[in-house]
Amino acid sequence: MKKAYLAVLALVFAGCTTSPDITAWNMAKSNNTAAAYQSYVQRYPKGDHAKEAQEQIEKTKMDHIRNLDSVAECIRVMETNPDPKIAAEVGDLAFKAAQKETAMGPLIAFLAYFRNHGGAETIRARLEEMDFENARKDASPAAMEYFLFRYPGSRFAGKAREILAERSYVQVKAWGNQYGFKAFIVRFPESPRVAEVQGWIKPSATQAGIPGSRNTLSAVLDSSPWLKNYGCALTLSSGIRKRTGDADELRHKLYEFEKLGPAGSLPAECSPMTLAARPGLDGPLDEALGTLAAAESQRKELASRWEIFRERGEMAKTAIAAGTKVANDLETAELSEEVLGSGPLGGLDAGREKGSVSARKAIERFEAAEKVLQKNREDIKRMLVDTDVFYKPLQYYVASCIAGK
């Protein structure tokens, strides 16, 4: 009994003499997390277990890093903890993850962050192949055109041009426009379809509704957002072809152009824009640019008028809704006077038109105005559609006549 009592006293005494340092260390070990060990080090930087805690922090960190299995996680680790000692290992893990990816986004992200990794060329080759396959599945000519913008020297370039030529043939045939036919011949002189398309071109054909005029590339660039955007894409592609910039970064900008469209200011690489007419097409390009400027001015005017009529139509709808409420309220008040003999309108004057009748007539006038405005909008929409019959082929022809220097 005496021995047991002494043992209890010893335990109590030992507990009472445990230092805060040891207590904090025991708690850190119990939690066994990097945060717990970090907390211990912050509280006791010179504690008995500070070195061991720091070792545990590094071990926990590396255990976490070795479990990374996506490119995004690897990038996040390097952005939040840019430690050169772990950069190589994180890069290897990112490369391993990129090889398993089936989407292009993570591969683009890998090359943006780990472009100097030893496996970068492997990822570039895989990305190029995936990009080509995606463009092949997309029925639009634009998808394959942008693939060739991104990879002007691609190992798939020959096949890509064949596919692009065939899709462009289908497009210009559907347009049935002289500008489209001429553009096809300029773009794909090697195509077996050239002879057929050549036969569709009429001598000295002019486009109805657009006055003939001439203009220069530099002058139209400033006033045509579409042409400026297309020229920027050509400039970025030229930088890739001539290796005058970081190809991975330029390709990434071209991805953004294709998928999202340019927003706000153009990339710095597009200033100044280095564009010129294709050999022998200076005259035809100047003439087409003049026609394009006139067409775009016409489209802007029609769009402006359509917006004005739309706003007026909304005002007419609002007036009809408000007038209907007024007419209903007046009819209620008038009925009250007729039934009760007196009401909010005062005495009735048999020789005067009732307010509700006047309100109904006003509504009829607003409804008639709304119908006229709706017809005007439909007429303008029809004119815009008619303008697009030659505007889109004209855009295509202008794009076919220019190249990045």
Protein backbone atom coordinates (compact mmCIF):
# COMPACT_ATOMS: atom_id res chain seq x y z
CA MET A 1 0.00 0.00 0.00
CA LYS A 2 2.81 2.39 0.87
CA LYS A 3 4.62 1.60 -2.40
CA ALA A 4 1.50 2.32 -4.46
CA TYR A 5 1.00 5.61 -2.70
CA LEU A 6 4.58 6.64 -3.43
CA ALA A 7 4.16 5.71 -7.09
CA VAL A 8 1.10 7.93 -7.37
CA LEU A 9 2.95 10.78 -5.73
CA ALA A 10 5.81 10.33 -8.19
CA LEU A 11 3.45 10.54 -11.17
CA VAL A 12 1.77 13.62 -9.78
CA PHE A 13 5.11 15.23 -9.12
CA ALA A 14 6.32 14.40 -12.62
CA GLY A 15 3.14 15.89 -14.16
CA CYS A 16 3.53 19.05 -12.17
CA THR A 17 7.09 19.54 -13.33
CA THR A 18 6.43 19.02 -17.10
CA SER A 19 7.59 22.17 -18.92
CA PRO A 20 5.34 24.09 -21.40
CA ASP A 21 7.95 23.25 -24.08
CA ILE A 22 7.44 19.50 -23.60
CA THR A 23 3.68 19.86 -23.38
CA ALA A 24 3.62 21.78 -26.69
CA TRP A 25 5.90 19.21 -28.28
CA ASN A 26 3.68 16.31 -27.14
CA MET A 27 0.66 18.09 -28.62
CA ALA A 28 2.48 18.67 -31.93
CA LYS A 29 3.43 14.97 -32.11
CA SER A 30 -0.13 13.99 -31.30
CA ASN A 31 -1.51 16.13 -34.18
CA ASN A 32 1.39 15.15 -36.47
CA THR A 33 0.73 17.89 -39.03
CA ALA A 34 2.99 20.47 -40.61
CA ALA A 35 0.84 23.22 -39.07
CA ALA A 36 1.21 21.74 -35.56
CA TYR A 37 5.00 21.44 -35.88
CA GLN A 38 5.20 24.94 -37.33
CA SER A 39 3.21 26.26 -34.36
CA TYR A 40 5.69 24.60 -31.98
CA VAL A 41 8.66 26.15 -33.76
CA GLN A 42 7.08 29.59 -33.70
CA ARG A 43 6.43 29.36 -29.95
CA TYR A 44 9.75 27.71 -29.04
CA PRO A 45 12.31 28.55 -31.75
CA LYS A 46 15.10 27.49 -29.38
CA GLY A 47 13.19 24.66 -27.72
CA ASP A 48 14.62 21.21 -27.05
CA HIS A 49 12.67 19.80 -30.03
CA ALA A 50 12.91 22.74 -32.45
CA LYS A 51 15.29 20.91 -34.78
CA GLU A 52 13.21 17.74 -34.74
CA ALA A 53 10.05 19.80 -35.37
CA GLN A 54 11.68 21.47 -38.38
CA GLU A 55 12.64 18.05 -39.74
CA GLN A 56 9.05 16.89 -39.33
CA ILE A 57 7.82 19.99 -41.16
CA GLU A 58 10.05 19.20 -44.13
CA LYS A 59 9.07 15.52 -44.06
CA THR A 60 5.36 16.33 -43.97
CA LYS A 61 5.79 18.83 -46.77
CA MET A 62 7.63 16.33 -48.96
CA ASP A 63 5.07 13.61 -48.20
CA HIS A 64 2.39 15.98 -49.44
CA ILE A 65 4.39 16.89 -52.52
CA ARG A 66 5.04 13.27 -53.45
CA ASN A 67 1.28 12.69 -53.51
CA LEU A 68 0.64 15.41 -56.09
CA ASP A 69 -1.10 13.89 -59.11
CA SER A 70 -2.16 16.84 -61.29
CA VAL A 71 -0.43 19.68 -63.11
CA ALA A 72 -2.64 22.22 -61.36
CA GLU A 73 -1.61 20.97 -57.91
CA CYS A 74 2.06 21.11 -58.83
CA ILE A 75 1.75 24.68 -60.08
CA ARG A 76 -0.14 25.67 -56.94
CA VAL A 77 2.65 24.25 -54.74
CA MET A 78 5.33 26.20 -56.61
CA GLU A 79 3.29 29.40 -56.52
CA THR A 80 2.65 29.20 -52.77
CA ASN A 81 6.06 27.77 -51.84
CA PRO A 82 8.67 28.60 -54.50
CA ASP A 83 11.46 26.65 -52.81
CA PRO A 84 14.28 25.90 -55.30
CA LYS A 85 15.09 22.70 -53.35
CA ILE A 86 11.75 21.13 -54.31
CA ALA A 87 11.39 22.66 -57.80
CA ALA A 88 13.01 19.71 -59.60
CA GLU A 89 10.87 17.12 -57.82
CA VAL A 90 7.67 19.10 -58.36
CA GLY A 91 8.59 19.52 -62.05
CA ASP A 92 9.03 15.75 -62.40
CA LEU A 93 5.67 15.13 -60.75
CA ALA A 94 4.02 17.71 -63.03
CA PHE A 95 5.56 16.01 -66.08
CA LYS A 96 4.28 12.62 -64.91
CA ALA A 97 0.80 14.10 -64.39
CA ALA A 98 0.84 15.86 -67.77
CA GLN A 99 1.55 12.58 -69.55
CA LYS A 100 -1.70 11.17 -68.16
CA GLU A 101 -3.85 14.20 -69.03
CA THR A 102 -6.45 13.87 -71.79
CA ALA A 103 -7.30 17.59 -72.06
CA MET A 104 -5.18 20.31 -73.63
CA GLY A 105 -5.55 22.84 -70.81
CA PRO A 106 -3.22 21.09 -68.31
CA LEU A 107 -0.57 20.59 -71.02
CA ILE A 108 -0.68 24.29 -71.88
CA ALA A 109 -0.39 25.09 -68.16
CA PHE A 110 2.61 22.73 -67.83
CA LEU A 111 4.47 24.44 -70.65
CA ALA A 112 3.63 27.86 -69.22
CA TYR A 113 5.15 26.99 -65.82
CA PHE A 114 7.66 24.18 -66.50
CA ARG A 115 8.79 25.07 -70.02
CA ASN A 116 12.44 24.40 -69.13
CA HIS A 117 11.79 20.91 -67.78
CA GLY A 118 13.54 18.07 -69.58
CA GLY A 119 10.18 16.57 -70.61
CA ALA A 120 8.83 19.81 -72.12
CA GLU A 121 9.49 18.69 -75.72
CA THR A 122 7.53 15.49 -75.10
CA ILE A 123 4.60 17.50 -73.81
CA ARG A 124 4.83 19.94 -76.74
CA ALA A 125 4.65 17.05 -79.20
CA ARG A 126 1.67 15.54 -77.37
CA LEU A 127 -0.09 18.91 -77.22
CA GLU A 128 0.44 19.42 -80.96
CA GLU A 129 -1.07 16.02 -81.71
CA MET A 130 -4.07 16.66 -79.43
CA ASP A 131 -4.57 20.10 -80.97
CA PHE A 132 -4.59 18.61 -84.47
CA GLU A 133 -7.07 15.90 -83.50
CA ASN A 134 -9.41 18.45 -81.91
CA ALA A 135 -9.24 20.65 -85.01
CA ARG A 136 -9.95 17.63 -87.22
CA LYS A 137 -13.10 16.87 -85.20
CA ASP A 138 -14.31 20.46 -85.48
CA ALA A 139 -16.24 21.03 -88.71
CA SER A 140 -15.43 24.73 -88.98
CA PRO A 141 -12.52 25.88 -91.19
CA ALA A 142 -11.50 28.33 -88.46
CA ALA A 143 -10.46 25.53 -86.08
CA MET A 144 -7.94 24.10 -88.55
CA GLU A 145 -6.77 27.56 -89.57
CA TYR A 146 -5.94 28.39 -85.95
CA PHE A 147 -4.14 25.06 -85.58
CA LEU A 148 -1.89 26.10 -88.45
CA PHE A 149 -1.46 29.53 -86.85
CA ARG A 150 -0.18 27.84 -83.70
CA TYR A 151 1.93 25.23 -85.50
CA PRO A 152 3.02 26.71 -88.85
CA GLY A 153 5.79 24.12 -89.14
CA SER A 154 3.77 21.18 -87.78
CA ARG A 155 4.45 17.60 -88.78
CA PHE A 156 0.68 17.52 -89.46
CA ALA A 157 0.77 20.67 -91.63
CA GLY A 158 0.27 18.85 -94.95
CA LYS A 159 -2.79 16.95 -93.79
CA ALA A 160 -4.09 20.03 -91.98
CA ARG A 161 -3.98 22.09 -95.19
CA GLU A 162 -5.82 19.36 -97.10
CA ILE A 163 -8.59 19.34 -94.51
CA LEU A 164 -8.72 23.14 -94.39
CA ALA A 165 -8.91 23.36 -98.18
CA GLU A 166 -11.81 20.90 -98.35
CA ARG A 167 -13.76 22.65 -95.60
CA SER A 168 -13.11 26.03 -97.22
CA TYR A 169 -14.33 24.64 -100.56
CA VAL A 170 -17.62 23.61 -98.95
CA GLN A 171 -17.91 27.04 -97.35
CA VAL A 172 -17.27 29.14 -100.47
CA LYS A 173 -19.56 26.92 -102.52
CA ALA A 174 -22.36 27.53 -100.00
CA TRP A 175 -21.71 31.29 -100.11
CA GLY A 176 -21.86 31.35 -103.90
CA ASN A 177 -19.99 34.67 -103.91
CA GLN A 178 -17.21 35.85 -106.19
CA TYR A 179 -15.06 37.07 -103.30
CA GLY A 180 -15.21 33.62 -101.72
CA PHE A 181 -14.20 31.91 -104.97
CA LYS A 182 -11.23 34.24 -105.49
CA ALA A 183 -10.15 33.80 -101.88
CA PHE A 184 -10.12 30.02 -102.25
CA ILE A 185 -7.84 30.19 -105.29
CA VAL A 186 -5.46 32.57 -103.47
CA ARG A 187 -5.31 30.37 -100.38
CA PHE A 188 -5.16 26.91 -101.92
CA PRO A 189 -3.51 27.07 -105.35
CA GLU A 190 -2.40 23.44 -104.91
CA SER A 191 -5.93 22.13 -104.32
CA PRO A 192 -7.49 19.82 -106.94
CA ARG A 193 -10.66 21.92 -106.52
CA VAL A 194 -9.03 25.03 -108.05
CA ALA A 195 -10.08 24.31 -111.63
CA GLU A 196 -13.69 23.84 -110.58
CA VAL A 197 -13.75 27.01 -108.49
CA GLN A 198 -11.99 28.95 -111.27
CA GLY A 199 -14.93 28.13 -113.52
CA TRP A 200 -17.32 29.85 -111.09
CA ILE A 201 -15.56 33.21 -111.33
CA LYS A 202 -17.20 35.77 -113.60
CA PRO A 203 -15.00 38.29 -115.43
CA SER A 204 -14.97 41.75 -113.79
CA ALA A 205 -17.72 40.80 -111.36
CA THR A 206 -18.81 43.59 -109.01
CA GLN A 207 -20.70 43.39 -105.77
CA ALA A 208 -24.16 45.03 -105.80
CA GLY A 209 -24.74 47.73 -103.23
CA ILE A 210 -21.08 48.43 -102.44
CA PRO A 211 -19.35 51.26 -104.30
CA GLY A 212 -15.94 50.51 -105.74
CA SER A 213 -13.14 52.28 -103.87
CA ARG A 214 -9.56 51.79 -102.79
CA ASN A 215 -7.89 51.92 -99.42
CA THR A 216 -4.65 50.94 -97.70
CA LEU A 217 -4.07 48.23 -95.14
CA SER A 218 -2.71 50.62 -92.52
CA ALA A 219 -5.70 52.97 -92.88
CA VAL A 220 -8.35 50.23 -92.53
CA LEU A 221 -6.59 48.49 -89.64
CA ASP A 222 -7.37 51.37 -87.29
CA SER A 223 -11.08 51.38 -88.12
CA SER A 224 -11.78 47.65 -88.45
CA PRO A 225 -11.68 45.65 -85.17
CA TRP A 226 -12.18 42.40 -87.07
CA LEU A 227 -9.20 43.03 -89.36
CA LYS A 228 -7.04 44.16 -86.44
CA ASN A 229 -7.85 40.95 -84.53
CA TYR A 230 -7.12 38.75 -87.54
CA GLY A 231 -3.91 40.66 -88.19
CA CYS A 232 -2.87 40.10 -84.59
CA ALA A 233 -3.37 36.35 -85.01
CA LEU A 234 -1.18 36.45 -88.13
CA THR A 235 1.48 38.44 -86.27
CA LEU A 236 1.55 35.96 -83.37
CA SER A 237 1.83 33.08 -85.83
CA SER A 238 4.66 34.87 -87.64
CA GLY A 239 6.49 35.18 -84.31
CA ILE A 240 6.21 31.40 -83.84
CA ARG A 241 7.38 30.69 -87.38
CA LYS A 242 10.37 33.03 -87.18
CA ARG A 243 11.11 32.19 -83.53
CA THR A 244 11.16 35.84 -82.56
CA GLY A 245 9.28 35.15 -79.30
CA ASP A 246 8.50 32.41 -76.82
CA ALA A 247 6.54 29.89 -78.91
CA ASP A 248 4.67 28.42 -75.90
CA GLU A 249 3.49 31.84 -74.79
CA LEU A 250 2.50 32.89 -78.32
CA ARG A 251 0.53 29.68 -78.79
CA HIS A 252 -1.23 30.28 -75.49
CA LYS A 253 -2.30 33.74 -76.69
CA LEU A 254 -3.60 32.21 -79.90
CA TYR A 255 -5.65 29.68 -77.88
CA GLU A 256 -7.24 32.59 -76.04
CA PHE A 257 -7.94 34.39 -79.31
CA GLU A 258 -9.70 31.37 -80.79
CA LYS A 259 -11.72 30.26 -77.76
CA LEU A 260 -12.57 33.54 -76.06
CA GLY A 261 -11.96 36.19 -78.66
CA PRO A 262 -9.70 39.17 -77.96
CA ALA A 263 -10.93 41.25 -75.03
CA GLY A 264 -9.69 44.75 -74.40
CA SER A 265 -6.26 45.70 -75.71
CA LEU A 266 -4.31 43.43 -78.02
CA PRO A 267 -1.17 41.61 -76.81
CA ALA A 268 2.04 43.60 -76.81
CA GLU A 269 3.43 41.30 -79.52
CA CYS A 270 0.85 42.78 -81.92
CA SER A 271 2.17 46.31 -81.63
CA PRO A 272 3.30 47.30 -84.14
CA MET A 273 1.36 44.93 -86.39
CA THR A 274 3.57 43.53 -89.13
CA LEU A 275 1.26 42.82 -92.07
CA ALA A 276 1.60 43.11 -95.83
CA ALA A 277 -0.21 42.09 -99.00
CA ARG A 278 0.68 38.73 -100.48
CA PRO A 279 2.95 39.01 -103.54
CA GLY A 280 1.07 40.38 -106.54
CA LEU A 281 -2.09 41.24 -104.56
CA ASP A 282 -1.43 44.86 -103.56
CA GLY A 283 -3.97 46.29 -106.01
CA PRO A 284 -6.75 43.74 -105.40
CA LEU A 285 -6.24 44.06 -101.64
CA ASP A 286 -6.50 47.87 -101.68
CA GLU A 287 -9.73 47.66 -103.68
CA ALA A 288 -11.18 44.95 -101.42
CA LEU A 289 -10.23 46.97 -98.33
CA GLY A 290 -12.12 49.98 -99.69
CA THR A 291 -15.18 47.82 -100.27
CA LEU A 292 -14.78 46.30 -96.81
CA ALA A 293 -14.66 49.75 -95.20
CA ALA A 294 -17.86 50.76 -97.02
CA ALA A 295 -19.57 47.49 -96.06
CA GLU A 296 -18.63 47.85 -92.40
CA SER A 297 -19.89 51.44 -92.38
CA GLN A 298 -23.18 50.24 -93.86
CA ARG A 299 -23.49 47.45 -91.30
CA LYS A 300 -22.77 49.84 -88.40
CA GLU A 301 -25.45 52.23 -89.63
CA LEU A 302 -28.00 49.43 -89.93
CA ALA A 303 -27.08 48.10 -86.48
CA SER A 304 -27.47 51.59 -85.03
CA ARG A 305 -30.89 52.03 -86.61
CA TRP A 306 -31.96 48.58 -85.39
CA GLU A 307 -30.97 49.55 -81.83
CA ILE A 308 -32.94 52.82 -82.07
CA PHE A 309 -36.06 50.99 -83.22
CA ARG A 310 -35.55 48.37 -80.53
CA GLU A 311 -35.45 51.06 -77.83
CA ARG A 312 -38.55 52.73 -79.26
CA GLY A 313 -40.31 49.38 -79.35
CA GLU A 314 -39.53 48.86 -75.67
CA MET A 315 -40.92 52.33 -74.93
CA ALA A 316 -44.11 51.48 -76.82
CA LYS A 317 -44.51 48.25 -74.84
CA THR A 318 -44.05 50.15 -71.60
CA ALA A 319 -46.64 52.74 -72.68
CA ILE A 320 -49.11 50.00 -73.62
CA ALA A 321 -48.68 48.32 -70.23
CA ALA A 322 -49.05 51.62 -68.36
CA GLY A 323 -52.02 52.69 -70.51
CA THR A 324 -53.77 49.38 -69.90
CA LYS A 325 -53.46 49.85 -66.14
CA VAL A 326 -54.80 53.41 -66.37
CA ALA A 327 -57.73 52.30 -68.55
CA ASN A 328 -58.60 49.49 -66.12
CA ASP A 329 -58.43 51.84 -63.13
CA LEU A 330 -60.64 54.40 -64.89
CA GLU A 331 -63.20 51.76 -65.84
CA THR A 332 -63.37 50.66 -62.20
CA ALA A 333 -63.87 54.24 -61.01
CA GLU A 334 -66.47 54.98 -63.66
CA LEU A 335 -68.42 51.85 -62.81
CA SER A 336 -68.33 52.91 -59.15
CA GLU A 337 -69.94 56.28 -60.01
CA GLU A 338 -72.62 54.70 -62.18
CA VAL A 339 -73.59 52.22 -59.47
CA LEU A 340 -73.29 54.43 -56.38
CA GLY A 341 -74.22 57.75 -57.88
CA SER A 342 -71.02 59.40 -56.78
CA GLY A 343 -67.35 58.51 -56.79
CA PRO A 344 -63.74 59.64 -57.25
CA LEU A 345 -64.40 61.13 -60.68
CA GLY A 346 -67.06 63.60 -59.53
CA GLY A 347 -70.26 64.11 -61.51
CA LEU A 348 -70.59 62.46 -64.92
CA ASP A 349 -70.91 64.65 -68.00
CA ALA A 350 -72.91 62.80 -70.65
CA GLY A 351 -71.51 65.02 -73.37
CA ARG A 352 -67.90 64.29 -72.57
CA GLU A 353 -65.94 61.15 -73.57
CA LYS A 354 -65.13 58.84 -70.68
CA GLY A 355 -61.52 58.71 -69.56
CA SER A 356 -61.36 54.95 -70.01
CA VAL A 357 -62.42 55.31 -73.66
CA SER A 358 -59.66 57.86 -74.30
CA ALA A 359 -57.16 55.57 -72.59
CA ARG A 360 -58.21 52.64 -74.80
CA LYS A 361 -57.79 54.76 -77.93
CA ALA A 362 -54.28 55.77 -76.77
CA ILE A 363 -53.42 52.12 -76.26
CA GLU A 364 -54.54 51.36 -79.83
CA ARG A 365 -52.22 54.10 -81.14
CA PHE A 366 -49.27 52.71 -79.15
CA GLU A 367 -50.04 49.20 -80.41
CA ALA A 368 -50.10 50.45 -84.01
CA ALA A 369 -46.77 52.24 -83.43
CA GLU A 370 -45.26 49.08 -81.96
CA LYS A 371 -46.27 47.11 -85.07
CA VAL A 372 -44.60 49.69 -87.30
CA LEU A 373 -41.44 49.61 -85.19
CA GLN A 374 -41.40 45.80 -85.27
CA LYS A 375 -41.70 45.87 -89.07
CA ASN A 376 -38.84 48.38 -89.24
CA ARG A 377 -36.66 46.10 -87.12
CA GLU A 378 -37.49 43.12 -89.33
CA ASP A 379 -36.62 45.14 -92.45
CA ILE A 380 -33.27 46.19 -90.97
CA LYS A 381 -32.52 42.62 -89.89
CA ARG A 382 -33.27 41.46 -93.44
CA MET A 383 -30.91 44.13 -94.82
CA LEU A 384 -28.18 42.99 -92.39
CA VAL A 385 -28.62 39.41 -93.58
CA ASP A 386 -28.45 40.56 -97.19
CA THR A 387 -25.28 42.54 -96.42
CA ASP A 388 -23.69 39.47 -94.83
CA VAL A 389 -24.19 37.56 -98.08
CA PHE A 390 -21.19 39.44 -99.49
CA TYR A 391 -19.66 40.77 -96.23
CA LYS A 392 -18.44 37.39 -94.94
CA PRO A 393 -16.92 36.31 -98.28
CA LEU A 394 -15.38 39.79 -98.54
CA GLN A 395 -13.78 39.37 -95.10
CA TYR A 396 -12.49 35.96 -96.20
CA TYR A 397 -11.00 37.45 -99.37
CA VAL A 398 -9.28 40.29 -97.50
CA ALA A 399 -7.87 37.78 -94.97
CA SER A 400 -6.61 35.68 -97.89
CA CYS A 401 -4.74 38.62 -99.39
CA ILE A 402 -2.67 39.50 -96.31
CA ALA A 403 0.17 37.78 -94.51
CA GLY A 404 2.31 38.36 -91.46
CA LYS A 405 5.79 39.61 -92.31
